[in-house]
Amino acid sequence: MGAYYHTKASVNEYIELAKDVNSRQLIEQMHPFLPSGSTLLELGSGPGTDWQILAETYQVTGSDFSMEFLKRLQSKFPDRDFLQLDARSLATEKKFDGVYSNKVLHHLKDEELAESVTRQVELLNEPGLICHSFWAGEGSEVFKGMFVNYHTEESLRATFEPHFEILLLDPYAEFDDKDSLVLIAKQKGANC
């Protein structure tokens, strides 16, 4: 996944770049599908911006692969639960009602994303729900030393539909019109 998020300088740079991003509307799209008070694992909590919004409604366990971000989160929220997790292997025995990420899984290659999706199914209590956002587009690139994998509605369906029933898959604008995709889905065979 690259070393970008592992130094104080790059973490400070990321926090500055992302300071004006407000994910409340993205998170609110999950509310009709995941009841208030549900347990939720956030992948890639970063500076904790989304984590704070999620914590207003859910029992959130934050996570990040970067120890630099985790140190900051644990310092800022010492009584809260944060895990160091790789988004591919998700090495935890904990179970959750939902899994959420905002522009995190795009750092995974297609086969790594498939591995993560399989592991997410194993971490979910039934009826488990996922909510993830991705950059929209095709192909991949390396940006500031980080791999970025763009996705289309079709590529996301191909990856998630073997394990999940897609409830919502829509484009939205983070910076530009339709630059992003949100996917909300529940475990196959589960009732919401």
Foldseek 3Di string as FASTA:
>chain_A
DFCQLADPVSLVVVCVVCVPFQCLVLVVVCDVPDAFAWEEEEEACRQPRVVVSVVVGYLYAYEYLHVVRVVNVCVVVVVHHYYNADLQQRPDPAATQEYEYEADLQLDDLVSSLSNLVVNLVRYDPFHKYKYKAFADQDWDQDPRTIGGHDHPVSVCVRNVVFWDWPDWDFCDRPDGRRMIMTMTTGPPGDD
